[in-house]
Amino acid sequence: MKLLLLLLSSLKLGKVLTTGGTMVLSVFAYALVFGWRYALGFVLLIFVHEMGHFLAARQRGLEVGAPTFIPFVGAWIAMKEMPRDAETEAYVGIAGPVAGTLGALACYVWWRHSSESLYLALAYAGCFLNLFNLIPLSPFDGGRVTAVLSPRLWLLGVPILAALFFHHPSPILILVALLAAPQVMKALRPIPDEDKAYYVASLETRFTYGSAYLGLVAFLAVMAERLHSLLPRV
């Protein structure tokens, strides 16, 4: 109830109109390719993911904008105030995939109950997209989470992104690579003295986020593989 009141008080009318309008536009665009029922479910899964970020940021006292959607790209929330430290960034970063995973699991449970293939397809899409978002490279959520461990972990995301591109070339991956390039260069250099305080975190904090990150990645990888194997049957 407190989270609901926080949401309602935080979303002003203009923000609601922006979010609602871009959501409708995205549903329309996806519906042209996949049909309106899948399009609606898919956009709602993205919305759940973004609201995870939104609520986590508000809980930490950060000023953020409402989600804005772009068809075939995704959505984002505008950070009007940057996190004060890497732990806060990790908290906000992992909240999106956690919320998105819960949304995908809700679709999976409903598929088991109804046997309607639409919900299996949505469950798979939700698991895959949240797993994709956990690539340890900024601007992915995985890059924001692993920053609390070490920005050098972003270098692990480079071969993953390259492998995805060679497996399935996409202009979106090229765009992501361009956005990630400055962060890769940053990871190659020593952390400047003025930025070191930002990345200070206790061993317990790093263990907590590292465990949560690896656990979520493993769970989503298993679920995505399992659901993908079920898709041809339906």
C-alpha atoms as a PDB file:
ATOM      1  CA  MET A   1       0.000   0.000   0.000  1.00  0.00           C
ATOM      2  CA  LYS A   2       2.853   2.388   0.816  1.00  0.00           C
ATOM      3  CA  LEU A   3       4.448   1.656  -2.558  1.00  0.00           C
ATOM      4  CA  LEU A   4       1.128   2.288  -4.308  1.00  0.00           C
ATOM      5  CA  LEU A   5       0.666   5.631  -2.533  1.00  0.00           C
ATOM      6  CA  LEU A   6       4.253   6.532  -3.393  1.00  0.00           C
ATOM      7  CA  LEU A   7       3.585   5.726  -7.041  1.00  0.00           C
ATOM      8  CA  LEU A   8       0.380   7.721  -7.232  1.00  0.00           C
ATOM      9  CA  SER A   9       1.889  10.738  -5.483  1.00  0.00           C
ATOM     10  CA  SER A  10       5.026  10.656  -7.643  1.00  0.00           C
ATOM     11  CA  LEU A  11       3.397  10.409 -11.060  1.00  0.00           C
ATOM     12  CA  LYS A  12       2.039  13.810 -12.000  1.00  0.00           C
ATOM     13  CA  LEU A  13      -0.531  14.210 -14.794  1.00  0.00           C
ATOM     14  CA  GLY A  14       2.020  15.251 -17.402  1.00  0.00           C
ATOM     15  CA  LYS A  15       4.176  12.242 -16.616  1.00  0.00           C
ATOM     16  CA  VAL A  16       1.162   9.947 -16.782  1.00  0.00           C
ATOM     17  CA  LEU A  17       0.246  11.320 -20.201  1.00  0.00           C
ATOM     18  CA  THR A  18       3.821  10.892 -21.469  1.00  0.00           C
ATOM     19  CA  THR A  19       4.052   7.337 -20.184  1.00  0.00           C
ATOM     20  CA  GLY A  20       0.551   6.418 -21.347  1.00  0.00           C
ATOM     21  CA  GLY A  21       0.986   7.988 -24.772  1.00  0.00           C
ATOM     22  CA  THR A  22       4.314   6.317 -25.489  1.00  0.00           C
ATOM     23  CA  MET A  23       2.939   3.007 -24.178  1.00  0.00           C
ATOM     24  CA  VAL A  24      -0.012   3.198 -26.577  1.00  0.00           C
ATOM     25  CA  LEU A  25       2.354   4.028 -29.435  1.00  0.00           C
ATOM     26  CA  SER A  26       4.544   1.030 -28.551  1.00  0.00           C
ATOM     27  CA  VAL A  27       1.567  -1.310 -28.307  1.00  0.00           C
ATOM     28  CA  PHE A  28       0.396  -0.137 -31.740  1.00  0.00           C
ATOM     29  CA  ALA A  29       3.848  -0.641 -33.277  1.00  0.00           C
ATOM     30  CA  TYR A  30       4.356  -4.112 -31.792  1.00  0.00           C
ATOM     31  CA  ALA A  31       0.785  -5.093 -32.707  1.00  0.00           C
ATOM     32  CA  LEU A  32       1.556  -4.538 -36.392  1.00  0.00           C
ATOM     33  CA  VAL A  33       4.104  -7.336 -36.152  1.00  0.00           C
ATOM     34  CA  PHE A  34       2.942  -9.627 -33.349  1.00  0.00           C
ATOM     35  CA  GLY A  35      -0.759  -8.927 -32.868  1.00  0.00           C
ATOM     36  CA  TRP A  36      -2.375  -6.716 -30.242  1.00  0.00           C
ATOM     37  CA  ARG A  37      -2.653  -9.260 -27.408  1.00  0.00           C
ATOM     38  CA  TYR A  38       1.045 -10.108 -27.412  1.00  0.00           C
ATOM     39  CA  ALA A  39       1.934  -6.446 -27.948  1.00  0.00           C
ATOM     40  CA  LEU A  40      -0.092  -5.368 -24.934  1.00  0.00           C
ATOM     41  CA  GLY A  41       1.403  -8.054 -22.711  1.00  0.00           C
ATOM     42  CA  PHE A  42       4.930  -7.323 -23.903  1.00  0.00           C
ATOM     43  CA  VAL A  43       4.672  -3.593 -23.246  1.00  0.00           C
ATOM     44  CA  LEU A  44       3.179  -4.261 -19.806  1.00  0.00           C
ATOM     45  CA  LEU A  45       6.175  -6.472 -18.979  1.00  0.00           C
ATOM     46  CA  ILE A  46       8.504  -3.623 -19.949  1.00  0.00           C
ATOM     47  CA  PHE A  47       6.401  -1.269 -17.813  1.00  0.00           C
ATOM     48  CA  VAL A  48       6.734  -3.563 -14.791  1.00  0.00           C
ATOM     49  CA  HIS A  49      10.508  -3.653 -15.297  1.00  0.00           C
ATOM     50  CA  GLU A  50      10.764   0.128 -15.495  1.00  0.00           C
ATOM     51  CA  MET A  51       8.535   0.648 -12.475  1.00  0.00           C
ATOM     52  CA  GLY A  52      10.958  -1.509 -10.509  1.00  0.00           C
ATOM     53  CA  HIS A  53      13.633   1.077 -11.273  1.00  0.00           C
ATOM     54  CA  PHE A  54      11.258   3.951 -10.594  1.00  0.00           C
ATOM     55  CA  LEU A  55      10.105   2.763  -7.179  1.00  0.00           C
ATOM     56  CA  ALA A  56      13.619   1.787  -6.099  1.00  0.00           C
ATOM     57  CA  ALA A  57      14.937   5.224  -7.076  1.00  0.00           C
ATOM     58  CA  ARG A  58      12.129   6.963  -5.196  1.00  0.00           C
ATOM     59  CA  GLN A  59      12.768   4.793  -2.150  1.00  0.00           C
ATOM     60  CA  ARG A  60      16.346   6.038  -2.166  1.00  0.00           C
ATOM     61  CA  GLY A  61      15.176   9.638  -2.444  1.00  0.00           C
ATOM     62  CA  LEU A  62      16.234  10.162  -6.065  1.00  0.00           C
ATOM     63  CA  GLU A  63      14.267  12.391  -8.424  1.00  0.00           C
ATOM     64  CA  VAL A  64      13.344  10.419 -11.526  1.00  0.00           C
ATOM     65  CA  GLY A  65      10.952  10.788 -14.417  1.00  0.00           C
ATOM     66  CA  ALA A  66       8.132   8.439 -15.349  1.00  0.00           C
ATOM     67  CA  PRO A  67       8.888   5.680 -17.891  1.00  0.00           C
ATOM     68  CA  THR A  68       9.093   6.702 -21.540  1.00  0.00           C
ATOM     69  CA  PHE A  69       8.707   4.089 -24.286  1.00  0.00           C
ATOM     70  CA  ILE A  70      10.239   3.852 -27.751  1.00  0.00           C
ATOM     71  CA  PRO A  71       8.902   1.088 -30.021  1.00  0.00           C
ATOM     72  CA  PHE A  72      11.422  -1.716 -30.747  1.00  0.00           C
ATOM     73  CA  VAL A  73      13.985  -0.052 -28.469  1.00  0.00           C
ATOM     74  CA  GLY A  74      12.423  -0.389 -25.037  1.00  0.00           C
ATOM     75  CA  ALA A  75      11.872   2.161 -22.308  1.00  0.00           C
ATOM     76  CA  TRP A  76      13.758   4.138 -19.712  1.00  0.00           C
ATOM     77  CA  ILE A  77      13.270   6.423 -16.747  1.00  0.00           C
ATOM     78  CA  ALA A  78      15.094   9.740 -16.793  1.00  0.00           C
ATOM     79  CA  MET A  79      17.428  10.147 -13.821  1.00  0.00           C
ATOM     80  CA  LYS A  80      17.001  13.788 -12.827  1.00  0.00           C
ATOM     81  CA  GLU A  81      19.314  13.161  -9.895  1.00  0.00           C
ATOM     82  CA  MET A  82      22.277  10.792 -10.073  1.00  0.00           C
ATOM     83  CA  PRO A  83      22.938   8.165  -7.370  1.00  0.00           C
ATOM     84  CA  ARG A  84      25.250   9.266  -4.590  1.00  0.00           C
ATOM     85  CA  ASP A  85      27.281   6.061  -4.602  1.00  0.00           C
ATOM     86  CA  ALA A  86      27.686   2.772  -6.451  1.00  0.00           C
ATOM     87  CA  GLU A  87      25.550   0.893  -3.905  1.00  0.00           C
ATOM     88  CA  THR A  88      22.566   3.127  -4.629  1.00  0.00           C
ATOM     89  CA  GLU A  89      23.148   2.721  -8.358  1.00  0.00           C
ATOM     90  CA  ALA A  90      23.241  -1.065  -7.936  1.00  0.00           C
ATOM     91  CA  TYR A  91      20.048  -1.022  -5.860  1.00  0.00           C
ATOM     92  CA  VAL A  92      18.157   0.928  -8.510  1.00  0.00           C
ATOM     93  CA  GLY A  93      19.754  -1.103 -11.299  1.00  0.00           C
ATOM     94  CA  ILE A  94      18.824  -4.548 -10.008  1.00  0.00           C
ATOM     95  CA  ALA A  95      15.270  -3.538  -9.045  1.00  0.00           C
ATOM     96  CA  GLY A  96      14.193  -3.447 -12.702  1.00  0.00           C
ATOM     97  CA  PRO A  97      15.220  -7.026 -13.565  1.00  0.00           C
ATOM     98  CA  VAL A  98      13.802  -8.281 -10.253  1.00  0.00           C
ATOM     99  CA  ALA A  99      10.422  -6.683 -10.984  1.00  0.00           C
ATOM    100  CA  GLY A 100      10.585  -7.814 -14.616  1.00  0.00           C
ATOM    101  CA  THR A 101      11.356 -11.378 -13.540  1.00  0.00           C
ATOM    102  CA  LEU A 102       8.333 -11.384 -11.245  1.00  0.00           C
ATOM    103  CA  GLY A 103       6.206 -10.188 -14.161  1.00  0.00           C
ATOM    104  CA  ALA A 104       7.544 -12.981 -16.379  1.00  0.00           C
ATOM    105  CA  LEU A 105       6.901 -15.550 -13.643  1.00  0.00           C
ATOM    106  CA  ALA A 106       3.305 -14.304 -13.341  1.00  0.00           C
ATOM    107  CA  CYS A 107       2.867 -15.031 -17.065  1.00  0.00           C
ATOM    108  CA  TYR A 108       4.427 -18.463 -16.597  1.00  0.00           C
ATOM    109  CA  VAL A 109       2.125 -19.326 -13.695  1.00  0.00           C
ATOM    110  CA  TRP A 110      -0.906 -18.186 -15.688  1.00  0.00           C
ATOM    111  CA  TRP A 111       0.223 -20.310 -18.651  1.00  0.00           C
ATOM    112  CA  ARG A 112       0.428 -23.351 -16.369  1.00  0.00           C
ATOM    113  CA  HIS A 113      -3.090 -22.553 -15.180  1.00  0.00           C
ATOM    114  CA  SER A 114      -4.670 -21.755 -18.550  1.00  0.00           C
ATOM    115  CA  SER A 115      -2.418 -23.580 -21.072  1.00  0.00           C
ATOM    116  CA  GLU A 116      -2.790 -20.537 -23.339  1.00  0.00           C
ATOM    117  CA  SER A 117       0.347 -20.255 -25.461  1.00  0.00           C
ATOM    118  CA  LEU A 118       0.295 -16.450 -25.394  1.00  0.00           C
ATOM    119  CA  TYR A 119       1.397 -16.437 -21.749  1.00  0.00           C
ATOM    120  CA  LEU A 120       4.203 -18.914 -22.403  1.00  0.00           C
ATOM    121  CA  ALA A 121       5.501 -16.644 -25.167  1.00  0.00           C
ATOM    122  CA  LEU A 122       5.298 -13.620 -22.843  1.00  0.00           C
ATOM    123  CA  ALA A 123       7.016 -15.515 -20.023  1.00  0.00           C
ATOM    124  CA  TYR A 124       9.886 -16.414 -22.345  1.00  0.00           C
ATOM    125  CA  ALA A 125      10.154 -12.858 -23.672  1.00  0.00           C
ATOM    126  CA  GLY A 126      10.208 -11.476 -20.138  1.00  0.00           C
ATOM    127  CA  CYS A 127      12.922 -13.886 -18.961  1.00  0.00           C
ATOM    128  CA  PHE A 128      15.069 -13.340 -22.051  1.00  0.00           C
ATOM    129  CA  LEU A 129      14.833  -9.544 -21.994  1.00  0.00           C
ATOM    130  CA  ASN A 130      15.665  -9.319 -18.304  1.00  0.00           C
ATOM    131  CA  LEU A 131      18.587 -11.709 -18.792  1.00  0.00           C
ATOM    132  CA  PHE A 132      19.784  -9.600 -21.732  1.00  0.00           C
ATOM    133  CA  ASN A 133      19.548  -6.511 -19.545  1.00  0.00           C
ATOM    134  CA  LEU A 134      21.877  -8.102 -16.998  1.00  0.00           C
ATOM    135  CA  ILE A 135      24.879  -8.097 -19.350  1.00  0.00           C
ATOM    136  CA  PRO A 136      27.653  -6.668 -17.137  1.00  0.00           C
ATOM    137  CA  LEU A 137      28.179  -3.561 -19.211  1.00  0.00           C
ATOM    138  CA  SER A 138      26.823  -0.046 -18.798  1.00  0.00           C
ATOM    139  CA  PRO A 139      24.240   1.154 -19.935  1.00  0.00           C
ATOM    140  CA  PHE A 140      22.655  -2.257 -19.242  1.00  0.00           C
ATOM    141  CA  ASP A 141      21.245  -2.822 -15.768  1.00  0.00           C
ATOM    142  CA  GLY A 142      23.935  -5.446 -15.270  1.00  0.00           C
ATOM    143  CA  GLY A 143      26.562  -2.744 -15.668  1.00  0.00           C
ATOM    144  CA  ARG A 144      24.903  -0.663 -12.968  1.00  0.00           C
ATOM    145  CA  VAL A 145      24.812  -3.627 -10.588  1.00  0.00           C
ATOM    146  CA  THR A 146      28.373  -4.811 -11.185  1.00  0.00           C
ATOM    147  CA  ALA A 147      29.728  -1.278 -10.743  1.00  0.00           C
ATOM    148  CA  VAL A 148      29.495  -1.788  -6.973  1.00  0.00           C
ATOM    149  CA  LEU A 149      31.837  -4.778  -7.351  1.00  0.00           C
ATOM    150  CA  SER A 150      34.273  -3.171  -9.794  1.00  0.00           C
ATOM    151  CA  PRO A 151      33.885  -1.141 -13.004  1.00  0.00           C
ATOM    152  CA  ARG A 152      36.472  -3.475 -14.558  1.00  0.00           C
ATOM    153  CA  LEU A 153      33.783  -6.163 -14.693  1.00  0.00           C
ATOM    154  CA  TRP A 154      32.280  -4.172 -17.550  1.00  0.00           C
ATOM    155  CA  LEU A 155      35.039  -5.635 -19.725  1.00  0.00           C
ATOM    156  CA  LEU A 156      33.303  -9.023 -19.384  1.00  0.00           C
ATOM    157  CA  GLY A 157      30.291  -7.583 -21.157  1.00  0.00           C
ATOM    158  CA  VAL A 158      32.241  -6.770 -24.333  1.00  0.00           C
ATOM    159  CA  PRO A 159      32.680 -10.354 -25.620  1.00  0.00           C
ATOM    160  CA  ILE A 160      29.086 -11.150 -24.621  1.00  0.00           C
ATOM    161  CA  LEU A 161      27.756  -8.232 -26.641  1.00  0.00           C
ATOM    162  CA  ALA A 162      30.032  -9.126 -29.569  1.00  0.00           C
ATOM    163  CA  ALA A 163      28.856 -12.755 -29.517  1.00  0.00           C
ATOM    164  CA  LEU A 164      25.227 -11.644 -29.542  1.00  0.00           C
ATOM    165  CA  PHE A 165      25.871  -9.379 -32.517  1.00  0.00           C
ATOM    166  CA  PHE A 166      27.579 -12.107 -34.565  1.00  0.00           C
ATOM    167  CA  HIS A 167      24.840 -14.565 -33.634  1.00  0.00           C
ATOM    168  CA  HIS A 168      22.014 -12.164 -34.460  1.00  0.00           C
ATOM    169  CA  PRO A 169      23.130  -8.848 -36.020  1.00  0.00           C
ATOM    170  CA  SER A 170      20.902  -5.962 -35.001  1.00  0.00           C
ATOM    171  CA  PRO A 171      21.060  -2.169 -35.295  1.00  0.00           C
ATOM    172  CA  ILE A 172      19.954  -1.997 -31.654  1.00  0.00           C
ATOM    173  CA  LEU A 173      23.118  -3.857 -30.618  1.00  0.00           C
ATOM    174  CA  ILE A 174      25.193  -1.387 -32.633  1.00  0.00           C
ATOM    175  CA  LEU A 175      23.488   1.485 -30.810  1.00  0.00           C
ATOM    176  CA  VAL A 176      24.140  -0.187 -27.453  1.00  0.00           C
ATOM    177  CA  ALA A 177      27.800  -0.720 -28.400  1.00  0.00           C
ATOM    178  CA  LEU A 178      28.180   2.982 -29.205  1.00  0.00           C
ATOM    179  CA  LEU A 179      26.619   3.926 -25.872  1.00  0.00           C
ATOM    180  CA  ALA A 180      28.803   1.430 -24.026  1.00  0.00           C
ATOM    181  CA  ALA A 181      32.092   2.469 -25.659  1.00  0.00           C
ATOM    182  CA  PRO A 182      32.830   5.346 -23.232  1.00  0.00           C
ATOM    183  CA  GLN A 183      32.180   3.027 -20.278  1.00  0.00           C
ATOM    184  CA  VAL A 184      34.544   0.407 -21.697  1.00  0.00           C
ATOM    185  CA  MET A 185      37.253   3.039 -22.034  1.00  0.00           C
ATOM    186  CA  LYS A 186      36.543   4.104 -18.464  1.00  0.00           C
ATOM    187  CA  ALA A 187      36.947   0.513 -17.249  1.00  0.00           C
ATOM    188  CA  LEU A 188      40.344   0.258 -18.955  1.00  0.00           C
ATOM    189  CA  ARG A 189      41.715   3.210 -17.010  1.00  0.00           C
ATOM    190  CA  PRO A 190      42.399   3.437 -13.263  1.00  0.00           C
ATOM    191  CA  ILE A 191      39.597   5.034 -11.278  1.00  0.00           C
ATOM    192  CA  PRO A 192      40.367   8.765 -10.852  1.00  0.00           C
ATOM    193  CA  ASP A 193      40.976   9.866  -7.280  1.00  0.00           C
ATOM    194  CA  GLU A 194      37.900  12.107  -7.319  1.00  0.00           C
ATOM    195  CA  ASP A 195      35.689   9.105  -8.235  1.00  0.00           C
ATOM    196  CA  LYS A 196      37.100   6.541  -5.813  1.00  0.00           C
ATOM    197  CA  ALA A 197      34.729   7.517  -3.007  1.00  0.00           C
ATOM    198  CA  TYR A 198      31.771   6.716  -5.289  1.00  0.00           C
ATOM    199  CA  TYR A 199      32.815   3.074  -5.578  1.00  0.00           C
ATOM    200  CA  VAL A 200      33.615   2.509  -1.900  1.00  0.00           C
ATOM    201  CA  ALA A 201      31.523  -0.369  -0.548  1.00  0.00           C
ATOM    202  CA  SER A 202      31.878  -2.882   2.241  1.00  0.00           C
ATOM    203  CA  LEU A 203      32.720  -6.525   1.579  1.00  0.00           C
ATOM    204  CA  GLU A 204      29.246  -7.472   2.814  1.00  0.00           C
ATOM    205  CA  THR A 205      27.602  -5.090   0.346  1.00  0.00           C
ATOM    206  CA  ARG A 206      29.639  -6.444  -2.540  1.00  0.00           C
ATOM    207  CA  PHE A 207      28.904 -10.033  -1.546  1.00  0.00           C
ATOM    208  CA  THR A 208      25.176  -9.288  -1.283  1.00  0.00           C
ATOM    209  CA  TYR A 209      24.915  -7.674  -4.699  1.00  0.00           C
ATOM    210  CA  GLY A 210      27.278 -10.152  -6.315  1.00  0.00           C
ATOM    211  CA  SER A 211      25.244 -13.082  -5.025  1.00  0.00           C
ATOM    212  CA  ALA A 212      21.941 -11.496  -6.029  1.00  0.00           C
ATOM    213  CA  TYR A 213      23.283 -10.711  -9.496  1.00  0.00           C
ATOM    214  CA  LEU A 214      24.684 -14.187 -10.163  1.00  0.00           C
ATOM    215  CA  GLY A 215      21.576 -15.852  -8.730  1.00  0.00           C
ATOM    216  CA  LEU A 216      19.266 -13.789 -10.916  1.00  0.00           C
ATOM    217  CA  VAL A 217      21.386 -14.426 -14.025  1.00  0.00           C
ATOM    218  CA  ALA A 218      21.433 -18.182 -13.365  1.00  0.00           C
ATOM    219  CA  PHE A 219      17.699 -18.326 -12.700  1.00  0.00           C
ATOM    220  CA  LEU A 220      16.781 -16.349 -15.818  1.00  0.00           C
ATOM    221  CA  ALA A 221      19.181 -18.350 -17.988  1.00  0.00           C
ATOM    222  CA  VAL A 222      17.616 -21.637 -16.857  1.00  0.00           C
ATOM    223  CA  MET A 223      14.075 -20.300 -17.240  1.00  0.00           C
ATOM    224  CA  ALA A 224      14.738 -18.796 -20.675  1.00  0.00           C
ATOM    225  CA  GLU A 225      16.269 -22.043 -21.939  1.00  0.00           C
ATOM    226  CA  ARG A 226      13.433 -24.122 -20.493  1.00  0.00           C
ATOM    227  CA  LEU A 227      10.672 -21.883 -21.845  1.00  0.00           C
ATOM    228  CA  HIS A 228      12.323 -21.655 -25.249  1.00  0.00           C
ATOM    229  CA  SER A 229      12.353 -25.457 -25.463  1.00  0.00           C
ATOM    230  CA  LEU A 230       8.617 -25.496 -24.730  1.00  0.00           C
ATOM    231  CA  LEU A 231       7.643 -22.933 -27.370  1.00  0.00           C
ATOM    232  CA  PRO A 232       7.707 -25.260 -30.435  1.00  0.00           C
ATOM    233  CA  ARG A 233       5.276 -27.618 -28.674  1.00  0.00           C
ATOM    234  CA  VAL A 234       2.570 -24.960 -28.519  1.00  0.00           C
END
